[in-house]
């Protein structure tokens, strides 16, 4: 599970997913009349998968964002 989360929360994965999302959106809107039905379906499925990924990233960020200790740290006196 740690390997999967390390991959999903990696900056490179997030950047590639963001670039792919924008490129697919541009292609779908720019060539919406010339693309075949199966290509539109594949691009739409990819957009849905990427949207779910981004929602997961936002959810993880909100869930772990308030990860503060209950008490301030206390120094150890030797």
PDB file of N, CA and C in Angstrom:
ATOM      1  N   UNK A   1       0.818  -1.193   0.000  1.00  0.00           N
ATOM      2  CA  UNK A   1       0.000   0.000   0.000  1.00  0.00           C
ATOM      3  C   UNK A   1       0.863   1.259   0.000  1.00  0.00           C
ATOM      4  N   UNK A   2       1.989   1.184   0.694  1.00  0.00           N
ATOM      5  CA  UNK A   2       2.870   2.349   0.756  1.00  0.00           C
ATOM      6  C   UNK A   2       3.438   2.684  -0.618  1.00  0.00           C
ATOM      7  N   UNK A   3       3.749   1.665  -1.401  1.00  0.00           N
ATOM      8  CA  UNK A   3       4.289   1.895  -2.747  1.00  0.00           C
ATOM      9  C   UNK A   3       3.252   2.589  -3.620  1.00  0.00           C
ATOM     10  N   UNK A   4       1.997   2.164  -3.504  1.00  0.00           N
ATOM     11  CA  UNK A   4       0.924   2.775  -4.298  1.00  0.00           C
ATOM     12  C   UNK A   4       0.742   4.236  -3.906  1.00  0.00           C
ATOM     13  N   UNK A   5       0.705   4.516  -2.608  1.00  0.00           N
ATOM     14  CA  UNK A   5       0.547   5.904  -2.166  1.00  0.00           C
ATOM     15  C   UNK A   5       1.753   6.756  -2.535  1.00  0.00           C
ATOM     16  N   UNK A   6       2.945   6.191  -2.441  1.00  0.00           N
ATOM     17  CA  UNK A   6       4.136   6.938  -2.857  1.00  0.00           C
ATOM     18  C   UNK A   6       4.052   7.306  -4.328  1.00  0.00           C
ATOM     19  N   UNK A   7       3.543   6.403  -5.152  1.00  0.00           N
ATOM     20  CA  UNK A   7       3.391   6.691  -6.581  1.00  0.00           C
ATOM     21  C   UNK A   7       2.302   7.734  -6.816  1.00  0.00           C
ATOM     22  N   UNK A   8       1.145   7.576  -6.172  1.00  0.00           N
ATOM     23  CA  UNK A   8       0.026   8.488  -6.400  1.00  0.00           C
ATOM     24  C   UNK A   8       0.285   9.892  -5.869  1.00  0.00           C
ATOM     25  N   UNK A   9       1.045  10.000  -4.794  1.00  0.00           N
ATOM     26  CA  UNK A   9       1.295  11.307  -4.188  1.00  0.00           C
ATOM     27  C   UNK A   9       2.602  11.938  -4.651  1.00  0.00           C
ATOM     28  N   UNK A  10       3.230  11.352  -5.641  1.00  0.00           N
ATOM     29  CA  UNK A  10       4.486  11.857  -6.174  1.00  0.00           C
ATOM     30  C   UNK A  10       4.216  13.120  -7.002  1.00  0.00           C
ATOM     31  N   UNK A  11       5.117  14.101  -6.907  1.00  0.00           N
ATOM     32  CA  UNK A  11       4.945  15.343  -7.674  1.00  0.00           C
ATOM     33  C   UNK A  11       4.978  15.092  -9.176  1.00  0.00           C
ATOM     34  N   UNK A  12       5.793  14.174  -9.615  1.00  0.00           N
ATOM     35  CA  UNK A  12       5.886  13.885 -11.049  1.00  0.00           C
ATOM     36  C   UNK A  12       4.582  13.275 -11.548  1.00  0.00           C
ATOM     37  N   UNK A  13       4.010  12.352 -10.782  1.00  0.00           N
ATOM     38  CA  UNK A  13       2.733  11.747 -11.161  1.00  0.00           C
ATOM     39  C   UNK A  13       1.643  12.804 -11.229  1.00  0.00           C
ATOM     40  N   UNK A  14       1.612  13.683 -10.257  1.00  0.00           N
ATOM     41  CA  UNK A  14       0.610  14.746 -10.243  1.00  0.00           C
ATOM     42  C   UNK A  14       0.789  15.690 -11.426  1.00  0.00           C
ATOM     43  N   UNK A  15       2.026  16.030 -11.758  1.00  0.00           N
ATOM     44  CA  UNK A  15       2.286  16.922 -12.892  1.00  0.00           C
ATOM     45  C   UNK A  15       1.890  16.268 -14.210  1.00  0.00           C
ATOM     46  N   UNK A  16       2.253  15.006 -14.393  1.00  0.00           N
ATOM     47  CA  UNK A  16       1.900  14.299 -15.632  1.00  0.00           C
ATOM     48  C   UNK A  16       0.383  14.169 -15.752  1.00  0.00           C
ATOM     49  N   UNK A  17      -0.293  13.884 -14.647  1.00  0.00           N
ATOM     50  CA  UNK A  17      -1.750  13.771 -14.674  1.00  0.00           C
ATOM     51  C   UNK A  17      -2.395  15.112 -15.023  1.00  0.00           C
ATOM     52  N   UNK A  18      -1.866  16.191 -14.477  1.00  0.00           N
ATOM     53  CA  UNK A  18      -2.406  17.513 -14.793  1.00  0.00           C
ATOM     54  C   UNK A  18      -2.209  17.891 -16.245  1.00  0.00           C
ATOM     55  N   UNK A  19      -1.027  17.615 -16.769  1.00  0.00           N
ATOM     56  CA  UNK A  19      -0.749  17.911 -18.181  1.00  0.00           C
ATOM     57  C   UNK A  19      -1.618  17.049 -19.083  1.00  0.00           C
ATOM     58  N   UNK A  20      -1.753  15.767 -18.749  1.00  0.00           N
ATOM     59  CA  UNK A  20      -2.597  14.874 -19.548  1.00  0.00           C
ATOM     60  C   UNK A  20      -4.049  15.332 -19.518  1.00  0.00           C
ATOM     61  N   UNK A  21      -4.524  15.781 -18.367  1.00  0.00           N
ATOM     62  CA  UNK A  21      -5.899  16.261 -18.244  1.00  0.00           C
ATOM     63  C   UNK A  21      -6.145  17.450 -19.167  1.00  0.00           C
ATOM     64  N   UNK A  22      -5.233  18.399 -19.152  1.00  0.00           N
ATOM     65  CA  UNK A  22      -5.383  19.595 -19.993  1.00  0.00           C
ATOM     66  C   UNK A  22      -5.305  19.230 -21.473  1.00  0.00           C
ATOM     67  N   UNK A  23      -4.362  18.375 -21.840  1.00  0.00           N
ATOM     68  CA  UNK A  23      -4.214  17.984 -23.249  1.00  0.00           C
ATOM     69  C   UNK A  23      -5.458  17.255 -23.741  1.00  0.00           C
ATOM     70  N   UNK A  24      -5.985  16.345 -22.936  1.00  0.00           N
ATOM     71  CA  UNK A  24      -7.184  15.608 -23.345  1.00  0.00           C
ATOM     72  C   UNK A  24      -8.372  16.551 -23.476  1.00  0.00           C
ATOM     73  N   UNK A  25      -8.507  17.501 -22.551  1.00  0.00           N
ATOM     74  CA  UNK A  25      -9.594  18.479 -22.665  1.00  0.00           C
ATOM     75  C   UNK A  25      -9.480  19.302 -23.943  1.00  0.00           C
ATOM     76  N   UNK A  26      -8.274  19.759 -24.253  1.00  0.00           N
ATOM     77  CA  UNK A  26      -8.068  20.563 -25.462  1.00  0.00           C
ATOM     78  C   UNK A  26      -8.388  19.744 -26.707  1.00  0.00           C
ATOM     79  N   UNK A  27      -7.927  18.508 -26.749  1.00  0.00           N
ATOM     80  CA  UNK A  27      -8.189  17.656 -27.915  1.00  0.00           C
ATOM     81  C   UNK A  27      -9.682  17.390 -28.054  1.00  0.00           C
ATOM     82  N   UNK A  28     -10.355  17.115 -26.946  1.00  0.00           N
ATOM     83  CA  UNK A  28     -11.793  16.846 -27.028  1.00  0.00           C
ATOM     84  C   UNK A  28     -12.575  18.059 -27.515  1.00  0.00           C
ATOM     85  N   UNK A  29     -12.206  19.248 -27.064  1.00  0.00           N
ATOM     86  CA  UNK A  29     -12.941  20.431 -27.496  1.00  0.00           C
ATOM     87  C   UNK A  29     -12.529  20.897 -28.887  1.00  0.00           C
ATOM     88  N   UNK A  30     -11.262  20.775 -29.236  1.00  0.00           N
ATOM     89  CA  UNK A  30     -10.796  21.266 -30.531  1.00  0.00           C
ATOM     90  C   UNK A  30     -11.213  20.345 -31.676  1.00  0.00           C
ATOM     91  N   UNK A  31     -11.225  19.052 -31.446  1.00  0.00           N
ATOM     92  CA  UNK A  31     -11.513  18.100 -32.518  1.00  0.00           C
ATOM     93  C   UNK A  31     -12.755  17.273 -32.223  1.00  0.00           C
ATOM     94  N   UNK A  32     -13.724  17.856 -31.559  1.00  0.00           N
ATOM     95  CA  UNK A  32     -14.894  17.082 -31.152  1.00  0.00           C
ATOM     96  C   UNK A  32     -15.705  16.544 -32.326  1.00  0.00           C
ATOM     97  N   UNK A  33     -15.651  17.197 -33.476  1.00  0.00           N
ATOM     98  CA  UNK A  33     -16.422  16.722 -34.626  1.00  0.00           C
ATOM     99  C   UNK A  33     -15.660  15.714 -35.468  1.00  0.00           C
ATOM    100  N   UNK A  34     -14.338  15.754 -35.421  1.00  0.00           N
ATOM    101  CA  UNK A  34     -13.558  14.857 -36.277  1.00  0.00           C
ATOM    102  C   UNK A  34     -13.124  13.568 -35.578  1.00  0.00           C
ATOM    103  N   UNK A  35     -13.263  13.493 -34.267  1.00  0.00           N
ATOM    104  CA  UNK A  35     -12.872  12.281 -33.547  1.00  0.00           C
ATOM    105  C   UNK A  35     -13.949  11.210 -33.684  1.00  0.00           C
ATOM    106  N   UNK A  36     -13.503   9.974 -33.741  1.00  0.00           N
ATOM    107  CA  UNK A  36     -14.469   8.880 -33.799  1.00  0.00           C
ATOM    108  C   UNK A  36     -15.131   8.705 -32.434  1.00  0.00           C
ATOM    109  N   UNK A  37     -16.215   7.977 -32.449  1.00  0.00           N
ATOM    110  CA  UNK A  37     -16.965   7.777 -31.208  1.00  0.00           C
ATOM    111  C   UNK A  37     -16.141   7.009 -30.174  1.00  0.00           C
ATOM    112  N   UNK A  38     -15.389   6.018 -30.624  1.00  0.00           N
ATOM    113  CA  UNK A  38     -14.588   5.230 -29.681  1.00  0.00           C
ATOM    114  C   UNK A  38     -13.456   6.069 -29.078  1.00  0.00           C
ATOM    115  N   UNK A  39     -12.866   6.957 -29.873  1.00  0.00           N
ATOM    116  CA  UNK A  39     -11.809   7.828 -29.352  1.00  0.00           C
ATOM    117  C   UNK A  39     -12.374   8.796 -28.314  1.00  0.00           C
ATOM    118  N   UNK A  40     -13.546   9.339 -28.597  1.00  0.00           N
ATOM    119  CA  UNK A  40     -14.192  10.220 -27.619  1.00  0.00           C
ATOM    120  C   UNK A  40     -14.493   9.472 -26.328  1.00  0.00           C
ATOM    121  N   UNK A  41     -14.925   8.229 -26.462  1.00  0.00           N
ATOM    122  CA  UNK A  41     -15.226   7.428 -25.281  1.00  0.00           C
ATOM    123  C   UNK A  41     -13.967   7.158 -24.465  1.00  0.00           C
ATOM    124  N   UNK A  42     -12.875   6.821 -25.132  1.00  0.00           N
ATOM    125  CA  UNK A  42     -11.607   6.572 -24.436  1.00  0.00           C
ATOM    126  C   UNK A  42     -11.132   7.837 -23.724  1.00  0.00           C
ATOM    127  N   UNK A  43     -11.175   8.973 -24.415  1.00  0.00           N
ATOM    128  CA  UNK A  43     -10.751  10.229 -23.797  1.00  0.00           C
ATOM    129  C   UNK A  43     -11.650  10.604 -22.616  1.00  0.00           C
ATOM    130  N   UNK A  44     -12.945  10.366 -22.748  1.00  0.00           N
ATOM    131  CA  UNK A  44     -13.865  10.676 -21.660  1.00  0.00           C
ATOM    132  C   UNK A  44     -13.595   9.797 -20.444  1.00  0.00           C
ATOM    133  N   UNK A  45     -13.343   8.519 -20.674  1.00  0.00           N
ATOM    134  CA  UNK A  45     -13.017   7.614 -19.566  1.00  0.00           C
ATOM    135  C   UNK A  45     -11.720   8.052 -18.893  1.00  0.00           C
ATOM    136  N   UNK A  46     -10.724   8.441 -19.687  1.00  0.00           N
ATOM    137  CA  UNK A  46      -9.470   8.931 -19.111  1.00  0.00           C
ATOM    138  C   UNK A  46      -9.692  10.201 -18.288  1.00  0.00           C
ATOM    139  N   UNK A  47     -10.542  11.098 -18.784  1.00  0.00           N
ATOM    140  CA  UNK A  47     -10.845  12.317 -18.025  1.00  0.00           C
ATOM    141  C   UNK A  47     -11.523  11.989 -16.700  1.00  0.00           C
ATOM    142  N   UNK A  48     -12.426  11.023 -16.713  1.00  0.00           N
ATOM    143  CA  UNK A  48     -13.106  10.634 -15.476  1.00  0.00           C
ATOM    144  C   UNK A  48     -12.108  10.038 -14.487  1.00  0.00           C
ATOM    145  N   UNK A  49     -11.213   9.187 -14.980  1.00  0.00           N
ATOM    146  CA  UNK A  49     -10.194   8.587 -14.110  1.00  0.00           C
ATOM    147  C   UNK A  49      -9.295   9.672 -13.519  1.00  0.00           C
ATOM    148  N   UNK A  50      -8.875  10.620 -14.347  1.00  0.00           N
ATOM    149  CA  UNK A  50      -8.025  11.706 -13.853  1.00  0.00           C
ATOM    150  C   UNK A  50      -8.779  12.602 -12.869  1.00  0.00           C
ATOM    151  N   UNK A  51     -10.063  12.845 -13.118  1.00  0.00           N
ATOM    152  CA  UNK A  51     -10.854  13.652 -12.186  1.00  0.00           C
ATOM    153  C   UNK A  51     -10.975  12.950 -10.835  1.00  0.00           C
ATOM    154  N   UNK A  52     -11.176  11.637 -10.849  1.00  0.00           N
ATOM    155  CA  UNK A  52     -11.236  10.877  -9.594  1.00  0.00           C
ATOM    156  C   UNK A  52      -9.890  10.953  -8.875  1.00  0.00           C
ATOM    157  N   UNK A  53      -8.800  10.890  -9.625  1.00  0.00           N
ATOM    158  CA  UNK A  53      -7.462  11.007  -9.036  1.00  0.00           C
ATOM    159  C   UNK A  53      -7.283  12.369  -8.366  1.00  0.00           C
ATOM    160  N   UNK A  54      -7.723  13.439  -9.037  1.00  0.00           N
ATOM    161  CA  UNK A  54      -7.578  14.772  -8.455  1.00  0.00           C
ATOM    162  C   UNK A  54      -8.456  14.938  -7.214  1.00  0.00           C
ATOM    163  N   UNK A  55      -9.646  14.367  -7.228  1.00  0.00           N
ATOM    164  CA  UNK A  55     -10.507  14.411  -6.039  1.00  0.00           C
ATOM    165  C   UNK A  55      -9.839  13.658  -4.891  1.00  0.00           C
ATOM    166  N   UNK A  56      -9.200  12.529  -5.198  1.00  0.00           N
ATOM    167  CA  UNK A  56      -8.471  11.771  -4.179  1.00  0.00           C
ATOM    168  C   UNK A  56      -7.335  12.609  -3.595  1.00  0.00           C
ATOM    169  N   UNK A  57      -6.593  13.297  -4.439  1.00  0.00           N
ATOM    170  CA  UNK A  57      -5.492  14.143  -3.974  1.00  0.00           C
ATOM    171  C   UNK A  57      -6.018  15.261  -3.071  1.00  0.00           C
ATOM    172  N   UNK A  58      -7.106  15.888  -3.463  1.00  0.00           N
ATOM    173  CA  UNK A  58      -7.690  16.954  -2.643  1.00  0.00           C
ATOM    174  C   UNK A  58      -8.181  16.386  -1.313  1.00  0.00           C
ATOM    175  N   UNK A  59      -8.807  15.214  -1.354  1.00  0.00           N
ATOM    176  CA  UNK A  59      -9.301  14.579  -0.133  1.00  0.00           C
ATOM    177  C   UNK A  59      -8.152  14.249   0.821  1.00  0.00           C
ATOM    178  N   UNK A  60      -7.071  13.694   0.288  1.00  0.00           N
ATOM    179  CA  UNK A  60      -5.907  13.372   1.116  1.00  0.00           C
ATOM    180  C   UNK A  60      -5.310  14.651   1.710  1.00  0.00           C
ATOM    181  N   UNK A  61      -5.253  15.712   0.916  1.00  0.00           N
ATOM    182  CA  UNK A  61      -4.696  16.976   1.392  1.00  0.00           C
ATOM    183  C   UNK A  61      -5.532  17.549   2.533  1.00  0.00           C
ATOM    184  N   UNK A  62      -6.840  17.504   2.393  1.00  0.00           N
ATOM    185  CA  UNK A  62      -7.716  18.020   3.447  1.00  0.00           C
ATOM    186  C   UNK A  62      -7.644  17.129   4.684  1.00  0.00           C
ATOM    187  N   UNK A  63      -7.633  15.825   4.484  1.00  0.00           N
ATOM    188  CA  UNK A  63      -7.632  14.895   5.619  1.00  0.00           C
ATOM    189  C   UNK A  63      -6.330  14.977   6.412  1.00  0.00           C
ATOM    190  N   UNK A  64      -5.211  15.131   5.730  1.00  0.00           N
ATOM    191  CA  UNK A  64      -3.919  15.150   6.416  1.00  0.00           C
ATOM    192  C   UNK A  64      -3.421  16.566   6.678  1.00  0.00           C
ATOM    193  N   UNK A  65      -4.145  17.564   6.240  1.00  0.00           N
ATOM    194  CA  UNK A  65      -3.688  18.938   6.390  1.00  0.00           C
ATOM    195  C   UNK A  65      -3.660  19.417   7.827  1.00  0.00           C
ATOM    196  N   UNK A  66      -4.547  18.922   8.663  1.00  0.00           N
ATOM    197  CA  UNK A  66      -4.591  19.345  10.051  1.00  0.00           C
ATOM    198  C   UNK A  66      -3.839  18.392  10.962  1.00  0.00           C
ATOM    199  N   UNK A  67      -2.807  17.788  10.457  1.00  0.00           N
ATOM    200  CA  UNK A  67      -2.048  16.802  11.219  1.00  0.00           C
ATOM    201  C   UNK A  67      -1.062  17.519  12.137  1.00  0.00           C
ATOM    202  N   UNK A  68      -1.581  18.079  13.213  1.00  0.00           N
ATOM    203  CA  UNK A  68      -0.774  18.819  14.181  1.00  0.00           C
ATOM    204  C   UNK A  68      -0.742  18.036  15.487  1.00  0.00           C
ATOM    205  N   UNK A  69       0.349  18.101  16.214  1.00  0.00           N
ATOM    206  CA  UNK A  69       0.373  17.423  17.513  1.00  0.00           C
ATOM    207  C   UNK A  69      -0.590  18.095  18.490  1.00  0.00           C
ATOM    208  N   UNK A  70      -1.114  17.306  19.423  1.00  0.00           N
ATOM    209  CA  UNK A  70      -2.076  17.833  20.391  1.00  0.00           C
ATOM    210  C   UNK A  70      -1.429  18.839  21.333  1.00  0.00           C
ATOM    211  N   UNK A  71      -0.185  18.588  21.702  1.00  0.00           N
ATOM    212  CA  UNK A  71       0.537  19.471  22.619  1.00  0.00           C
ATOM    213  C   UNK A  71       1.816  19.960  21.948  1.00  0.00           C
ATOM    214  N   UNK A  72       2.280  21.147  22.352  1.00  0.00           N
ATOM    215  CA  UNK A  72       3.549  21.607  21.784  1.00  0.00           C
ATOM    216  C   UNK A  72       4.692  20.706  22.258  1.00  0.00           C
ATOM    217  N   UNK A  73       5.752  20.630  21.494  1.00  0.00           N
ATOM    218  CA  UNK A  73       6.858  19.757  21.889  1.00  0.00           C
ATOM    219  C   UNK A  73       7.527  20.253  23.175  1.00  0.00           C
ATOM    220  N   UNK A  74       7.938  19.316  23.986  1.00  0.00           N
ATOM    221  CA  UNK A  74       8.639  19.662  25.226  1.00  0.00           C
ATOM    222  C   UNK A  74      10.076  19.172  25.120  1.00  0.00           C
ATOM    223  N   UNK A  75      11.022  20.014  25.483  1.00  0.00           N
ATOM    224  CA  UNK A  75      12.420  19.596  25.385  1.00  0.00           C
ATOM    225  C   UNK A  75      12.763  18.536  26.436  1.00  0.00           C
ATOM    226  N   UNK A  76      13.670  17.671  26.077  1.00  0.00           N
ATOM    227  CA  UNK A  76      14.144  16.641  27.001  1.00  0.00           C
ATOM    228  C   UNK A  76      15.344  17.205  27.739  1.00  0.00           C
ATOM    229  N   UNK A  77      15.252  17.232  29.046  1.00  0.00           N
ATOM    230  CA  UNK A  77      16.350  17.752  29.863  1.00  0.00           C
ATOM    231  C   UNK A  77      17.222  16.573  30.289  1.00  0.00           C
ATOM    232  N   UNK A  78      18.511  16.586  29.905  1.00  0.00           N
ATOM    233  CA  UNK A  78      19.376  15.449  30.280  1.00  0.00           C
ATOM    234  C   UNK A  78      19.805  15.490  31.733  1.00  0.00           C
TER     235      UNK A  78
END
